[in-house]
Amino acid sequence: MDERVRKIIDKSRRVVFFGGAGVSTESNIPDFRSETGLYNAMRHYGYSPEEMLSSDFYHSRKELFFDYYKNNLIYRDARPNKAHIALARLEEEGKLLSVVTQNIDGLHQAAGSKRVHELHGSVMRNYCTKCHAFYDLDYIMDEKNCAEGSSVPVCKVCGASVKPDVVLYGEALNDVVIREAVSDISSADCLIIGGTSLVVYPAAGFINYFNGDNMILINKTATAYDGKANLVIYDSIGKILGD
């Protein structure tokens, strides 16, 4: 771990990590909001990622929604990287209070993190839109659990469609997740922000609840919040937090 970061963590009692897509890209999960992601979506589907990942699109064009979702947001071979592992270790040491993430891939939990606030939900959880039965990722990815000739997963209990537990554009964030994330950030004495350009709202606004002593910002490019941080590092989050 970078010595500058380690020194601040060592003198802190309640550290919270706030992360974005840059944490997952180091596990070879591309950012669908990037220029490449936008270009590929428009070329293959004729719609932007924001359009296809909206609540309206899910309800009106489920077939196309799931085709895009399964091929562009699910990376079953992805594994936790150095950043995920380092954060799980800090929690085990009693230094890290929690992770607040904008990512939906479940890699923080796969690395061993226990207290993770997933602002945008998780691909690992899926629920029937009618009876609310729970289904895991394997279920919705199995063609046998989809309507005949379709990519839309259906509930084996009532036959209704199954929806991923991710926050789509046009949907509100989960109230419980919001309260817990805000509580942890506002009580932290050190906030580490990593792998995010802090432009996706309302999630990016959560860091305004931080009132602690030390804010560390690690990102490959500058952000609008650089001036508020005690330490700004333009580099890979895995390189800075990892061994």
Protein backbone atom coordinates (compact mmCIF):
# COMPACT_ATOMS: atom_id res chain seq x y z
CA MET A 1 0.00 0.00 0.00
CA ASP A 2 1.17 3.53 -0.76
CA GLU A 3 2.94 4.86 2.33
CA ARG A 4 1.05 8.17 2.27
CA VAL A 5 -2.28 6.36 2.38
CA ARG A 6 -1.11 3.86 5.00
CA LYS A 7 0.06 6.66 7.29
CA ILE A 8 -3.36 8.34 7.25
CA ILE A 9 -5.19 5.04 7.76
CA ASP A 10 -2.96 4.13 10.71
CA LYS A 11 -3.92 7.28 12.60
CA SER A 12 -7.63 6.94 11.74
CA ARG A 13 -10.27 5.06 13.72
CA ARG A 14 -13.24 4.92 11.33
CA VAL A 15 -12.35 4.63 7.65
CA VAL A 16 -14.98 4.44 4.91
CA PHE A 17 -14.26 3.67 1.26
CA PHE A 18 -16.40 5.18 -1.50
CA GLY A 19 -15.79 3.57 -4.88
CA GLY A 20 -16.91 3.67 -8.48
CA ALA A 21 -16.43 1.95 -11.82
CA GLY A 22 -12.65 2.37 -11.74
CA VAL A 23 -12.46 -0.23 -8.98
CA SER A 24 -14.13 -2.83 -11.20
CA THR A 25 -12.36 -1.96 -14.45
CA GLU A 26 -9.19 -3.33 -12.87
CA SER A 27 -11.01 -6.68 -12.73
CA ASN A 28 -11.58 -6.33 -16.49
CA ILE A 29 -15.17 -5.15 -16.14
CA PRO A 30 -15.55 -2.27 -18.62
CA ASP A 31 -17.43 0.90 -17.73
CA PHE A 32 -20.58 0.93 -19.88
CA ARG A 33 -20.68 4.74 -19.52
CA SER A 34 -17.28 5.15 -21.21
CA GLU A 35 -16.94 6.41 -24.78
CA THR A 36 -16.27 2.84 -25.93
CA GLY A 37 -19.32 1.55 -24.08
CA LEU A 38 -21.53 4.25 -25.59
CA TYR A 39 -20.18 3.61 -29.10
CA ASN A 40 -20.69 -0.16 -28.87
CA ALA A 41 -24.22 0.21 -27.53
CA MET A 42 -25.26 2.60 -30.28
CA ARG A 43 -23.65 0.45 -32.97
CA HIS A 44 -25.16 -2.85 -31.84
CA TYR A 45 -28.51 -1.76 -30.41
CA GLY A 46 -29.26 1.73 -31.68
CA TYR A 47 -29.78 3.01 -28.14
CA SER A 48 -27.50 4.50 -25.50
CA PRO A 49 -26.71 2.46 -22.36
CA GLU A 50 -28.69 4.98 -20.29
CA GLU A 51 -31.77 4.39 -22.44
CA MET A 52 -31.54 0.60 -22.32
CA LEU A 53 -30.84 0.54 -18.58
CA SER A 54 -33.84 2.70 -17.75
CA SER A 55 -36.98 1.63 -15.95
CA ASP A 56 -39.10 2.65 -18.94
CA PHE A 57 -37.02 0.51 -21.30
CA TYR A 58 -37.19 -2.49 -18.96
CA HIS A 59 -40.98 -2.33 -18.84
CA SER A 60 -41.52 -1.61 -22.54
CA ARG A 61 -38.77 -3.69 -24.20
CA LYS A 62 -37.78 -6.49 -21.82
CA GLU A 63 -36.30 -8.69 -24.53
CA LEU A 64 -33.84 -6.05 -25.70
CA PHE A 65 -33.16 -4.96 -22.11
CA PHE A 66 -32.07 -8.45 -21.08
CA ASP A 67 -30.07 -8.99 -24.25
CA TYR A 68 -28.03 -5.87 -23.47
CA TYR A 69 -27.93 -6.51 -19.72
CA LYS A 70 -26.68 -10.09 -19.94
CA ASN A 71 -24.06 -9.31 -22.58
CA ASN A 72 -22.74 -6.04 -21.17
CA LEU A 73 -23.21 -5.99 -17.40
CA ILE A 74 -22.57 -9.60 -16.41
CA TYR A 75 -18.93 -10.73 -16.14
CA ARG A 76 -18.99 -14.10 -14.43
CA ASP A 77 -15.25 -14.68 -14.82
CA ALA A 78 -14.33 -11.42 -13.06
CA ARG A 79 -12.39 -11.82 -9.83
CA PRO A 80 -11.56 -9.40 -7.00
CA ASN A 81 -8.45 -7.34 -7.69
CA LYS A 82 -5.83 -5.88 -5.35
CA ALA A 83 -8.10 -3.02 -4.31
CA HIS A 84 -10.98 -5.32 -3.32
CA ILE A 85 -8.63 -7.57 -1.37
CA ALA A 86 -6.89 -4.67 0.40
CA LEU A 87 -10.23 -3.21 1.51
CA ALA A 88 -11.43 -6.56 2.85
CA ARG A 89 -8.17 -6.85 4.79
CA LEU A 90 -8.60 -3.36 6.28
CA GLU A 91 -12.08 -4.32 7.47
CA GLU A 92 -10.69 -7.49 9.03
CA GLU A 93 -8.06 -5.38 10.81
CA GLY A 94 -10.84 -3.26 12.30
CA LYS A 95 -9.80 -0.13 10.41
CA LEU A 96 -12.44 -0.04 7.67
CA LEU A 97 -16.01 0.59 8.79
CA SER A 98 -17.62 -0.08 5.43
CA VAL A 99 -17.50 0.12 1.65
CA VAL A 100 -19.96 2.35 -0.19
CA THR A 101 -19.97 1.32 -3.84
CA GLN A 102 -21.65 2.42 -7.04
CA ASN A 103 -20.76 -0.94 -8.61
CA ILE A 104 -23.18 -3.83 -8.99
CA ASP A 105 -20.79 -6.76 -9.52
CA GLY A 106 -20.53 -8.15 -5.98
CA LEU A 107 -16.72 -8.27 -6.08
CA HIS A 108 -16.28 -6.57 -2.71
CA GLN A 109 -18.20 -9.40 -1.04
CA ALA A 110 -16.30 -11.95 -3.12
CA ALA A 111 -13.07 -10.51 -1.69
CA GLY A 112 -14.38 -10.92 1.85
CA SER A 113 -15.86 -7.51 2.70
CA LYS A 114 -18.80 -7.85 5.09
CA ARG A 115 -20.30 -4.35 5.37
CA VAL A 116 -20.96 -3.16 1.81
CA HIS A 117 -23.54 -0.54 0.88
CA GLU A 118 -24.47 -1.12 -2.77
CA LEU A 119 -26.01 2.16 -3.89
CA HIS A 120 -27.03 0.80 -7.28
CA GLY A 121 -27.93 -2.74 -6.21
CA SER A 122 -26.34 -5.99 -7.33
CA VAL A 123 -26.50 -8.37 -10.29
CA MET A 124 -26.26 -11.18 -7.74
CA ARG A 125 -29.83 -10.57 -6.57
CA ASN A 126 -32.96 -10.91 -8.70
CA TYR A 127 -36.62 -10.88 -7.74
CA CYS A 128 -39.93 -11.84 -9.30
CA THR A 129 -41.85 -8.68 -10.19
CA LYS A 130 -45.09 -10.23 -8.93
CA CYS A 131 -44.53 -12.62 -6.00
CA HIS A 132 -41.05 -11.28 -5.11
CA ALA A 133 -39.40 -14.72 -5.05
CA PHE A 134 -35.60 -14.45 -4.94
CA TYR A 135 -33.33 -15.78 -7.69
CA ASP A 136 -29.55 -15.78 -7.99
CA LEU A 137 -27.46 -14.84 -11.01
CA ASP A 138 -27.18 -18.43 -12.23
CA TYR A 139 -30.96 -18.65 -12.48
CA ILE A 140 -31.49 -15.65 -14.73
CA MET A 141 -28.52 -16.54 -16.94
CA ASP A 142 -29.83 -20.06 -17.62
CA GLU A 143 -31.86 -20.13 -20.84
CA LYS A 144 -34.03 -22.89 -19.38
CA ASN A 145 -35.45 -20.33 -16.95
CA CYS A 146 -36.44 -17.89 -19.67
CA ALA A 147 -39.65 -17.63 -21.64
CA GLU A 148 -39.50 -19.87 -24.72
CA GLY A 149 -37.36 -18.30 -27.43
CA SER A 150 -36.64 -15.34 -25.17
CA SER A 151 -33.88 -13.95 -22.95
CA VAL A 152 -36.38 -12.77 -20.33
CA PRO A 153 -36.18 -14.88 -17.12
CA VAL A 154 -39.49 -15.91 -15.60
CA CYS A 155 -40.46 -16.91 -12.08
CA LYS A 156 -40.88 -20.65 -11.53
CA VAL A 157 -43.48 -19.92 -8.84
CA CYS A 158 -45.92 -17.61 -10.62
CA GLY A 159 -44.58 -17.19 -14.16
CA ALA A 160 -44.05 -13.43 -13.99
CA SER A 161 -40.83 -11.83 -15.23
CA VAL A 162 -37.79 -11.67 -12.96
CA LYS A 163 -36.02 -8.32 -12.54
CA PRO A 164 -32.41 -7.75 -11.46
CA ASP A 165 -32.07 -5.96 -8.12
CA VAL A 166 -30.20 -3.06 -9.72
CA VAL A 167 -31.25 0.57 -9.70
CA LEU A 168 -32.23 1.49 -13.25
CA TYR A 169 -32.26 5.02 -14.62
CA GLY A 170 -35.51 6.62 -13.50
CA GLU A 171 -35.65 4.59 -10.27
CA ALA A 172 -34.91 5.84 -6.77
CA LEU A 173 -32.08 4.52 -4.63
CA ASN A 174 -33.03 2.19 -1.78
CA ASP A 175 -33.92 4.20 1.35
CA VAL A 176 -32.29 1.75 3.77
CA VAL A 177 -29.04 1.68 1.78
CA ILE A 178 -29.04 5.48 1.64
CA ARG A 179 -29.48 5.85 5.40
CA GLU A 180 -26.76 3.34 6.23
CA ALA A 181 -24.29 4.80 3.73
CA VAL A 182 -24.89 8.37 4.91
CA SER A 183 -24.58 7.30 8.54
CA ASP A 184 -21.21 5.62 7.94
CA ILE A 185 -19.80 8.44 5.82
CA SER A 186 -20.89 11.14 8.25
CA SER A 187 -19.34 9.28 11.21
CA ALA A 188 -16.03 8.47 9.50
CA ASP A 189 -12.82 10.28 10.36
CA CYS A 190 -11.23 9.20 7.06
CA LEU A 191 -12.92 8.85 3.68
CA ILE A 192 -11.07 7.14 0.84
CA ILE A 193 -12.60 7.83 -2.57
CA GLY A 194 -11.37 5.62 -5.38
CA GLY A 195 -12.01 4.83 -9.02
CA THR A 196 -14.74 7.39 -9.57
CA SER A 197 -14.94 10.69 -11.43
CA LEU A 198 -17.73 11.77 -9.06
CA VAL A 199 -20.10 12.82 -11.83
CA VAL A 200 -22.89 10.24 -11.38
CA TYR A 201 -25.60 11.65 -9.13
CA PRO A 202 -27.18 11.25 -6.68
CA ALA A 203 -24.46 8.79 -5.62
CA ALA A 204 -21.56 11.24 -5.96
CA GLY A 205 -23.31 13.67 -3.62
CA PHE A 206 -22.89 11.23 -0.73
CA ILE A 207 -19.34 12.40 -0.09
CA ASN A 208 -20.73 15.79 0.96
CA TYR A 209 -21.84 14.11 4.20
CA PHE A 210 -18.22 13.57 5.21
CA ASN A 211 -17.14 15.76 8.12
CA GLY A 212 -13.98 13.94 9.17
CA ASP A 213 -10.34 14.92 9.21
CA ASN A 214 -8.87 13.20 6.15
CA MET A 215 -10.21 12.72 2.64
CA ILE A 216 -8.08 10.69 0.24
CA LEU A 217 -8.97 10.79 -3.47
CA ILE A 218 -7.47 8.18 -5.80
CA ASN A 219 -8.44 8.35 -9.46
CA LYS A 220 -6.67 8.24 -12.80
CA THR A 221 -8.05 11.65 -13.78
CA ALA A 222 -8.93 14.87 -11.97
CA THR A 223 -12.35 15.35 -10.35
CA ALA A 224 -14.34 18.38 -9.23
CA TYR A 225 -13.66 17.37 -5.62
CA ASP A 226 -9.85 17.31 -5.77
CA GLY A 227 -9.62 20.63 -3.93
CA LYS A 228 -11.48 19.20 -0.93
CA ALA A 229 -9.12 16.25 -0.41
CA ASN A 230 -6.10 16.18 1.89
CA LEU A 231 -4.37 13.76 -0.45
CA VAL A 232 -5.00 13.37 -4.19
CA ILE A 233 -3.31 10.58 -6.16
CA TYR A 234 -3.74 10.18 -9.91
CA ASP A 235 -3.13 6.48 -10.33
CA SER A 236 -4.65 3.01 -10.35
CA ILE A 237 -6.66 2.23 -7.21
CA GLY A 238 -5.28 -1.33 -7.14
CA LYS A 239 -1.71 -0.11 -7.39
CA ILE A 240 -2.15 2.38 -4.53
CA LEU A 241 -4.10 0.15 -2.13
CA GLY A 242 -2.54 -3.18 -3.07
CA ASP A 243 0.68 -4.81 -1.93
